[in-house]
Amino acid sequence: MLKTAATALCLILGLAAAHAQDSSGASSGPSAAVPPAAAADDALPPPIACTFEKVFVCEAAGCNPSQELGTIDLPARFLIHFGEQIIASVSDDDLPHISSIQSVIGDGDTLILDGNDNMAAWAIELSPSKPEATLTTLAGGKVLTAFGTCKPAS
């Protein structure tokens, strides 16, 4: 069930970009599925690589550590590309997965990315100046929380 929730999380990220629309909110065919390019003066962070090494799965009865982040054995690694609004990962079966970021909000030194897919919701909290990151998913009556670090992608 946890692997299904994590897989759904990855799928959520992929579908969110496909539903992006231009600023007028009107859909004008296939090009409306592509997120608009960032303006030159927008200060998007560069791509970052995140590694999650500690995961807890919580249900009404309590929380327990897990050795997997959904379908990905620990350490789980993600590439976050703000300009393309995607998160890329690879599952245990070595298949790549691209997920879309639905929204990014920031306040001071904190960024929160979120999305949803197939009855699962997710959020990542990180900081452009600090390495710590948190990933939380909600699906099937369970909450999965992962802790890790992020650094500039090389």
N, C-alpha and C. Protein backbone atom coordinates (compact mmCIF):
# COMPACT_ATOMS: atom_id res chain seq x y z
N MET A 1 0.83 -1.20 0.00
CA MET A 1 0.00 0.00 0.00
C MET A 1 0.87 1.25 0.00
N LEU A 2 1.96 1.21 0.78
CA LEU A 2 2.85 2.36 0.83
C LEU A 2 3.53 2.57 -0.51
N LYS A 3 3.92 1.46 -1.18
CA LYS A 3 4.53 1.60 -2.49
C LYS A 3 3.55 2.20 -3.47
N THR A 4 2.30 1.84 -3.35
CA THR A 4 1.27 2.39 -4.23
C THR A 4 1.12 3.89 -3.98
N ALA A 5 1.15 4.30 -2.73
CA ALA A 5 1.02 5.72 -2.40
C ALA A 5 2.20 6.51 -2.94
N ALA A 6 3.40 5.98 -2.83
CA ALA A 6 4.57 6.69 -3.33
C ALA A 6 4.56 6.75 -4.84
N THR A 7 4.13 5.66 -5.47
CA THR A 7 4.02 5.67 -6.93
C THR A 7 3.00 6.71 -7.35
N ALA A 8 1.90 6.77 -6.62
CA ALA A 8 0.88 7.77 -6.92
C ALA A 8 1.44 9.18 -6.75
N LEU A 9 2.29 9.37 -5.74
CA LEU A 9 2.91 10.66 -5.52
C LEU A 9 3.72 11.07 -6.74
N CYS A 10 4.50 10.15 -7.26
CA CYS A 10 5.30 10.44 -8.45
C CYS A 10 4.40 10.76 -9.64
N LEU A 11 3.34 10.01 -9.79
CA LEU A 11 2.41 10.27 -10.88
C LEU A 11 1.73 11.61 -10.74
N ILE A 12 1.45 11.99 -9.50
CA ILE A 12 0.83 13.29 -9.23
C ILE A 12 1.67 14.40 -9.81
N LEU A 13 2.94 14.30 -9.53
CA LEU A 13 3.85 15.34 -9.98
C LEU A 13 3.85 15.45 -11.49
N GLY A 14 3.75 14.32 -12.19
CA GLY A 14 3.76 14.32 -13.65
C GLY A 14 2.50 14.90 -14.24
N LEU A 15 1.37 14.62 -13.64
CA LEU A 15 0.10 15.10 -14.19
C LEU A 15 -0.14 16.57 -13.94
N ALA A 16 0.41 17.10 -12.86
CA ALA A 16 0.14 18.49 -12.52
C ALA A 16 0.64 19.43 -13.62
N ALA A 17 1.79 19.17 -14.20
CA ALA A 17 2.30 20.04 -15.26
C ALA A 17 1.45 19.92 -16.51
N ALA A 18 0.92 18.73 -16.75
CA ALA A 18 0.10 18.54 -17.93
C ALA A 18 -1.19 19.35 -17.85
N HIS A 19 -1.60 19.73 -16.65
CA HIS A 19 -2.81 20.50 -16.48
C HIS A 19 -2.55 21.99 -16.35
N ALA A 20 -1.29 22.38 -16.49
CA ALA A 20 -0.96 23.81 -16.37
C ALA A 20 -1.59 24.58 -17.53
N GLN A 21 -2.08 25.78 -17.23
CA GLN A 21 -2.70 26.61 -18.26
C GLN A 21 -2.01 27.96 -18.27
N ASP A 22 -2.22 28.71 -19.36
CA ASP A 22 -1.61 30.03 -19.41
C ASP A 22 -2.29 30.95 -18.41
N SER A 23 -1.76 32.14 -18.23
CA SER A 23 -2.23 33.04 -17.18
C SER A 23 -3.68 33.48 -17.38
N SER A 24 -4.21 33.39 -18.59
CA SER A 24 -5.60 33.77 -18.79
C SER A 24 -6.55 32.68 -18.37
N GLY A 25 -6.03 31.47 -18.14
CA GLY A 25 -6.86 30.36 -17.72
C GLY A 25 -7.52 29.65 -18.89
N ALA A 26 -7.33 30.12 -20.11
CA ALA A 26 -7.95 29.50 -21.27
C ALA A 26 -7.06 28.41 -21.82
N SER A 27 -7.67 27.34 -22.27
CA SER A 27 -6.94 26.25 -22.89
C SER A 27 -7.01 26.43 -24.39
N SER A 28 -5.87 26.38 -25.03
CA SER A 28 -5.85 26.60 -26.47
C SER A 28 -5.18 25.45 -27.18
N GLY A 29 -5.49 24.24 -26.83
CA GLY A 29 -4.94 23.07 -27.51
C GLY A 29 -3.76 22.50 -26.79
N PRO A 30 -2.96 21.70 -27.49
CA PRO A 30 -1.84 21.00 -26.85
C PRO A 30 -0.83 21.90 -26.17
N SER A 31 -0.62 23.11 -26.70
CA SER A 31 0.39 23.98 -26.08
C SER A 31 -0.02 24.42 -24.68
N ALA A 32 -1.30 24.35 -24.35
CA ALA A 32 -1.74 24.74 -23.02
C ALA A 32 -1.26 23.76 -21.96
N ALA A 33 -0.87 22.54 -22.34
CA ALA A 33 -0.40 21.55 -21.38
C ALA A 33 1.04 21.80 -20.96
N VAL A 34 1.75 22.65 -21.68
CA VAL A 34 3.14 22.93 -21.37
C VAL A 34 3.20 24.16 -20.48
N PRO A 35 3.86 24.05 -19.32
CA PRO A 35 3.95 25.23 -18.45
C PRO A 35 4.69 26.35 -19.17
N PRO A 36 4.26 27.60 -18.98
CA PRO A 36 4.94 28.71 -19.64
C PRO A 36 6.36 28.85 -19.14
N ALA A 37 7.24 29.27 -20.04
CA ALA A 37 8.64 29.48 -19.65
C ALA A 37 8.72 30.65 -18.70
N ALA A 38 9.66 30.58 -17.77
CA ALA A 38 9.83 31.65 -16.80
C ALA A 38 10.41 32.88 -17.49
N ALA A 39 9.95 34.03 -17.08
CA ALA A 39 10.49 35.28 -17.61
C ALA A 39 11.93 35.43 -17.15
N ALA A 40 12.70 36.17 -17.91
CA ALA A 40 14.12 36.31 -17.62
C ALA A 40 14.36 36.93 -16.24
N ASP A 41 13.44 37.78 -15.79
CA ASP A 41 13.66 38.43 -14.50
C ASP A 41 13.14 37.61 -13.32
N ASP A 42 12.46 36.47 -13.58
CA ASP A 42 12.03 35.60 -12.48
C ASP A 42 13.25 34.93 -11.88
N ALA A 43 13.32 34.92 -10.55
CA ALA A 43 14.47 34.35 -9.87
C ALA A 43 14.14 32.93 -9.40
N LEU A 44 14.10 31.99 -10.34
CA LEU A 44 13.86 30.59 -9.99
C LEU A 44 15.16 29.98 -9.49
N PRO A 45 15.06 29.15 -8.45
CA PRO A 45 16.27 28.47 -7.99
C PRO A 45 16.80 27.52 -9.08
N PRO A 46 18.09 27.27 -9.07
CA PRO A 46 18.64 26.29 -10.01
C PRO A 46 18.16 24.88 -9.62
N PRO A 47 18.29 23.92 -10.52
CA PRO A 47 17.89 22.54 -10.18
C PRO A 47 18.63 22.05 -8.93
N ILE A 48 17.93 21.25 -8.13
CA ILE A 48 18.53 20.69 -6.93
C ILE A 48 18.33 19.18 -6.89
N ALA A 49 19.25 18.51 -6.22
CA ALA A 49 19.17 17.06 -6.02
C ALA A 49 18.89 16.80 -4.55
N CYS A 50 17.83 16.04 -4.29
CA CYS A 50 17.44 15.75 -2.90
C CYS A 50 17.59 14.26 -2.63
N THR A 51 18.05 13.93 -1.44
CA THR A 51 18.17 12.55 -0.99
C THR A 51 17.42 12.42 0.33
N PHE A 52 16.43 11.50 0.35
CA PHE A 52 15.65 11.25 1.56
C PHE A 52 16.12 9.94 2.16
N GLU A 53 16.56 10.00 3.44
CA GLU A 53 17.17 8.83 4.09
C GLU A 53 16.37 8.29 5.27
N LYS A 54 15.38 9.04 5.73
CA LYS A 54 14.59 8.60 6.88
C LYS A 54 13.12 8.78 6.54
N VAL A 55 12.33 7.70 6.71
CA VAL A 55 10.91 7.73 6.36
C VAL A 55 10.09 7.16 7.52
N PHE A 56 8.95 7.79 7.79
CA PHE A 56 7.99 7.29 8.77
C PHE A 56 6.63 7.19 8.10
N VAL A 57 5.92 6.09 8.38
CA VAL A 57 4.57 5.89 7.89
C VAL A 57 3.64 5.95 9.09
N CYS A 58 2.64 6.83 9.01
CA CYS A 58 1.73 7.01 10.14
C CYS A 58 0.31 6.63 9.76
N GLU A 59 -0.34 5.92 10.68
CA GLU A 59 -1.75 5.58 10.59
C GLU A 59 -2.38 5.99 11.91
N ALA A 60 -3.68 5.79 12.06
CA ALA A 60 -4.36 6.17 13.30
C ALA A 60 -3.73 5.50 14.52
N ALA A 61 -3.21 4.30 14.35
CA ALA A 61 -2.62 3.55 15.48
C ALA A 61 -1.23 4.06 15.87
N GLY A 62 -0.59 4.84 15.00
CA GLY A 62 0.74 5.35 15.33
C GLY A 62 1.65 5.40 14.11
N CYS A 63 2.90 5.75 14.36
CA CYS A 63 3.89 5.90 13.29
C CYS A 63 5.02 4.89 13.45
N ASN A 64 5.54 4.43 12.33
CA ASN A 64 6.66 3.49 12.34
C ASN A 64 7.66 3.86 11.25
N PRO A 65 8.94 3.61 11.51
CA PRO A 65 9.94 3.86 10.46
C PRO A 65 9.74 2.88 9.30
N SER A 66 10.19 3.30 8.12
CA SER A 66 10.10 2.47 6.93
C SER A 66 11.45 2.48 6.22
N GLN A 67 11.76 1.41 5.51
CA GLN A 67 13.00 1.34 4.74
C GLN A 67 12.77 1.72 3.28
N GLU A 68 11.52 2.13 2.96
CA GLU A 68 11.20 2.52 1.60
C GLU A 68 10.42 3.82 1.59
N LEU A 69 10.60 4.56 0.52
CA LEU A 69 9.80 5.74 0.25
C LEU A 69 8.87 5.34 -0.88
N GLY A 70 7.74 4.75 -0.52
CA GLY A 70 6.82 4.23 -1.52
C GLY A 70 7.41 3.02 -2.21
N THR A 71 7.74 3.18 -3.51
CA THR A 71 8.35 2.08 -4.26
C THR A 71 9.85 2.24 -4.39
N ILE A 72 10.43 3.17 -3.67
CA ILE A 72 11.86 3.45 -3.80
C ILE A 72 12.57 3.09 -2.50
N ASP A 73 13.56 2.20 -2.58
CA ASP A 73 14.36 1.87 -1.41
C ASP A 73 15.15 3.09 -0.98
N LEU A 74 15.42 3.17 0.32
CA LEU A 74 16.23 4.27 0.83
C LEU A 74 17.70 4.02 0.54
N PRO A 75 18.50 5.02 0.27
CA PRO A 75 18.09 6.42 0.16
C PRO A 75 17.35 6.68 -1.16
N ALA A 76 16.29 7.47 -1.09
CA ALA A 76 15.50 7.83 -2.27
C ALA A 76 16.02 9.17 -2.79
N ARG A 77 16.23 9.25 -4.09
CA ARG A 77 16.80 10.47 -4.67
C ARG A 77 15.85 11.08 -5.69
N PHE A 78 15.76 12.41 -5.67
CA PHE A 78 14.90 13.15 -6.59
C PHE A 78 15.70 14.33 -7.15
N LEU A 79 15.43 14.67 -8.39
CA LEU A 79 15.95 15.89 -9.00
C LEU A 79 14.77 16.84 -9.14
N ILE A 80 14.90 18.03 -8.57
CA ILE A 80 13.85 19.04 -8.68
C ILE A 80 14.33 20.13 -9.62
N HIS A 81 13.56 20.35 -10.70
CA HIS A 81 13.90 21.38 -11.69
C HIS A 81 12.79 22.42 -11.67
N PHE A 82 13.06 23.57 -11.08
CA PHE A 82 12.05 24.60 -10.90
C PHE A 82 11.62 25.22 -12.23
N GLY A 83 12.56 25.45 -13.13
CA GLY A 83 12.24 26.06 -14.42
C GLY A 83 11.31 25.21 -15.26
N GLU A 84 11.50 23.92 -15.23
CA GLU A 84 10.65 22.99 -15.98
C GLU A 84 9.44 22.52 -15.17
N GLN A 85 9.40 22.87 -13.90
CA GLN A 85 8.34 22.48 -12.95
C GLN A 85 8.17 20.96 -12.89
N ILE A 86 9.30 20.26 -12.74
CA ILE A 86 9.26 18.80 -12.66
C ILE A 86 10.11 18.27 -11.53
N ILE A 87 9.78 17.04 -11.13
CA ILE A 87 10.60 16.26 -10.22
C ILE A 87 10.86 14.94 -10.93
N ALA A 88 12.11 14.52 -10.97
CA ALA A 88 12.48 13.27 -11.62
C ALA A 88 13.02 12.29 -10.58
N SER A 89 12.63 11.03 -10.73
CA SER A 89 13.12 9.97 -9.84
C SER A 89 13.19 8.68 -10.64
N VAL A 90 13.74 7.65 -10.00
CA VAL A 90 13.82 6.32 -10.61
C VAL A 90 13.31 5.32 -9.59
N SER A 91 12.37 4.47 -10.00
CA SER A 91 11.79 3.47 -9.09
C SER A 91 12.73 2.28 -8.95
N ASP A 92 12.39 1.37 -8.04
CA ASP A 92 13.22 0.18 -7.81
C ASP A 92 13.36 -0.68 -9.05
N ASP A 93 12.41 -0.60 -9.98
CA ASP A 93 12.52 -1.40 -11.21
C ASP A 93 13.30 -0.65 -12.29
N ASP A 94 14.02 0.40 -11.91
CA ASP A 94 14.89 1.19 -12.77
C ASP A 94 14.16 1.95 -13.87
N LEU A 95 12.86 2.16 -13.72
CA LEU A 95 12.12 2.96 -14.68
C LEU A 95 12.11 4.41 -14.21
N PRO A 96 12.46 5.34 -15.10
CA PRO A 96 12.43 6.75 -14.69
C PRO A 96 11.00 7.24 -14.56
N HIS A 97 10.83 8.23 -13.71
CA HIS A 97 9.51 8.83 -13.55
C HIS A 97 9.67 10.35 -13.46
N ILE A 98 8.90 11.05 -14.27
CA ILE A 98 8.87 12.51 -14.25
C ILE A 98 7.52 12.94 -13.71
N SER A 99 7.52 13.80 -12.73
CA SER A 99 6.30 14.30 -12.12
C SER A 99 6.29 15.82 -12.19
N SER A 100 5.12 16.39 -12.35
CA SER A 100 4.99 17.85 -12.43
C SER A 100 4.75 18.46 -11.06
N ILE A 101 5.29 19.62 -10.88
CA ILE A 101 5.05 20.41 -9.68
C ILE A 101 3.81 21.25 -9.94
N GLN A 102 2.81 21.12 -9.10
CA GLN A 102 1.57 21.88 -9.29
C GLN A 102 1.73 23.33 -8.84
N SER A 103 2.37 23.54 -7.70
CA SER A 103 2.59 24.91 -7.25
C SER A 103 3.85 24.99 -6.40
N VAL A 104 4.44 26.17 -6.40
CA VAL A 104 5.59 26.48 -5.55
C VAL A 104 5.26 27.79 -4.86
N ILE A 105 5.32 27.78 -3.53
CA ILE A 105 5.12 29.02 -2.79
C ILE A 105 6.34 29.24 -1.91
N GLY A 106 6.62 30.49 -1.63
CA GLY A 106 7.78 30.79 -0.82
C GLY A 106 7.49 31.90 0.17
N ASP A 107 8.16 31.82 1.30
CA ASP A 107 8.07 32.85 2.32
C ASP A 107 9.43 32.92 2.99
N GLY A 108 10.13 33.98 2.74
CA GLY A 108 11.47 34.10 3.30
C GLY A 108 12.39 33.05 2.71
N ASP A 109 12.95 32.23 3.56
CA ASP A 109 13.92 31.21 3.13
C ASP A 109 13.27 29.82 3.02
N THR A 110 11.94 29.76 2.90
CA THR A 110 11.24 28.49 2.83
C THR A 110 10.48 28.39 1.51
N LEU A 111 10.62 27.24 0.84
CA LEU A 111 9.85 26.94 -0.36
C LEU A 111 9.00 25.71 -0.08
N ILE A 112 7.76 25.73 -0.54
CA ILE A 112 6.89 24.57 -0.44
C ILE A 112 6.39 24.24 -1.84
N LEU A 113 6.66 23.02 -2.28
CA LEU A 113 6.20 22.51 -3.57
C LEU A 113 5.08 21.53 -3.27
N ASP A 114 4.06 21.50 -4.12
CA ASP A 114 3.01 20.52 -3.87
C ASP A 114 2.37 20.04 -5.15
N GLY A 115 1.56 18.99 -5.00
CA GLY A 115 0.83 18.42 -6.11
C GLY A 115 -0.07 17.31 -5.61
N ASN A 116 -0.78 16.69 -6.55
CA ASN A 116 -1.64 15.56 -6.21
C ASN A 116 -1.81 14.68 -7.44
N ASP A 117 -2.14 13.42 -7.19
CA ASP A 117 -2.31 12.48 -8.29
C ASP A 117 -2.99 11.23 -7.78
N ASN A 118 -3.99 10.76 -8.50
CA ASN A 118 -4.60 9.46 -8.23
C ASN A 118 -4.94 9.28 -6.75
N MET A 119 -5.66 10.24 -6.20
CA MET A 119 -6.11 10.20 -4.81
C MET A 119 -4.96 10.23 -3.79
N ALA A 120 -3.86 10.80 -4.16
CA ALA A 120 -2.74 11.02 -3.23
C ALA A 120 -2.29 12.47 -3.35
N ALA A 121 -1.92 13.07 -2.24
CA ALA A 121 -1.42 14.44 -2.22
C ALA A 121 -0.01 14.44 -1.64
N TRP A 122 0.81 15.40 -2.05
CA TRP A 122 2.17 15.46 -1.55
C TRP A 122 2.60 16.93 -1.40
N ALA A 123 3.61 17.13 -0.57
CA ALA A 123 4.23 18.44 -0.39
C ALA A 123 5.70 18.23 0.00
N ILE A 124 6.55 19.10 -0.52
CA ILE A 124 7.97 19.11 -0.15
C ILE A 124 8.28 20.49 0.39
N GLU A 125 8.90 20.53 1.57
CA GLU A 125 9.36 21.79 2.14
C GLU A 125 10.88 21.78 2.11
N LEU A 126 11.46 22.88 1.60
CA LEU A 126 12.92 22.98 1.54
C LEU A 126 13.33 24.44 1.62
N SER A 127 14.62 24.65 1.69
CA SER A 127 15.18 25.99 1.80
C SER A 127 16.30 26.14 0.78
N PRO A 128 16.33 27.26 0.05
CA PRO A 128 17.43 27.48 -0.89
C PRO A 128 18.79 27.62 -0.21
N SER A 129 18.80 27.98 1.09
CA SER A 129 20.08 28.21 1.76
C SER A 129 20.46 27.14 2.79
N LYS A 130 19.56 26.21 3.08
CA LYS A 130 19.84 25.15 4.05
C LYS A 130 19.60 23.80 3.40
N PRO A 131 20.34 22.78 3.79
CA PRO A 131 20.21 21.49 3.12
C PRO A 131 18.98 20.66 3.51
N GLU A 132 18.36 20.91 4.66
CA GLU A 132 17.27 20.05 5.14
C GLU A 132 16.04 20.15 4.25
N ALA A 133 15.36 18.98 4.06
CA ALA A 133 14.13 18.93 3.27
C ALA A 133 13.18 17.91 3.89
N THR A 134 11.89 18.14 3.72
CA THR A 134 10.86 17.23 4.21
C THR A 134 9.87 16.96 3.08
N LEU A 135 9.51 15.70 2.91
CA LEU A 135 8.51 15.28 1.92
C LEU A 135 7.38 14.59 2.67
N THR A 136 6.14 15.00 2.41
CA THR A 136 4.99 14.38 3.05
C THR A 136 3.97 13.98 1.98
N THR A 137 3.45 12.76 2.08
CA THR A 137 2.38 12.32 1.19
C THR A 137 1.20 11.86 2.04
N LEU A 138 0.03 11.96 1.46
CA LEU A 138 -1.20 11.54 2.13
C LEU A 138 -2.01 10.72 1.13
N ALA A 139 -2.28 9.45 1.48
CA ALA A 139 -3.07 8.59 0.61
C ALA A 139 -3.54 7.38 1.39
N GLY A 140 -4.72 6.91 1.09
CA GLY A 140 -5.23 5.68 1.67
C GLY A 140 -5.27 5.66 3.18
N GLY A 141 -5.53 6.80 3.82
CA GLY A 141 -5.59 6.84 5.27
C GLY A 141 -4.24 6.79 5.95
N LYS A 142 -3.17 6.94 5.19
CA LYS A 142 -1.81 6.94 5.76
C LYS A 142 -1.10 8.22 5.38
N VAL A 143 -0.19 8.62 6.26
CA VAL A 143 0.68 9.77 6.00
C VAL A 143 2.11 9.25 6.00
N LEU A 144 2.84 9.58 4.96
CA LEU A 144 4.23 9.19 4.86
C LEU A 144 5.05 10.47 4.94
N THR A 145 6.01 10.52 5.85
CA THR A 145 6.88 11.68 5.97
C THR A 145 8.33 11.23 5.85
N ALA A 146 9.05 11.90 4.95
CA ALA A 146 10.45 11.58 4.71
C ALA A 146 11.31 12.81 5.02
N PHE A 147 12.49 12.55 5.56
CA PHE A 147 13.42 13.60 5.91
C PHE A 147 14.72 13.39 5.14
N GLY A 148 15.28 14.48 4.64
CA GLY A 148 16.51 14.35 3.88
C GLY A 148 17.18 15.68 3.69
N THR A 149 18.02 15.73 2.66
CA THR A 149 18.79 16.92 2.36
C THR A 149 18.75 17.19 0.85
N CYS A 150 18.96 18.45 0.50
CA CYS A 150 19.02 18.86 -0.91
C CYS A 150 20.28 19.70 -1.11
N LYS A 151 20.79 19.64 -2.32
CA LYS A 151 21.96 20.45 -2.69
C LYS A 151 21.84 20.77 -4.17
N PRO A 152 22.60 21.76 -4.64
CA PRO A 152 22.55 22.09 -6.06
C PRO A 152 22.90 20.86 -6.90
N ALA A 153 22.15 20.66 -7.97
CA ALA A 153 22.41 19.52 -8.87
C ALA A 153 23.68 19.79 -9.66
N SER A 154 24.45 18.77 -9.84
CA SER A 154 25.70 18.97 -10.60
C SER A 154 25.54 18.54 -12.02
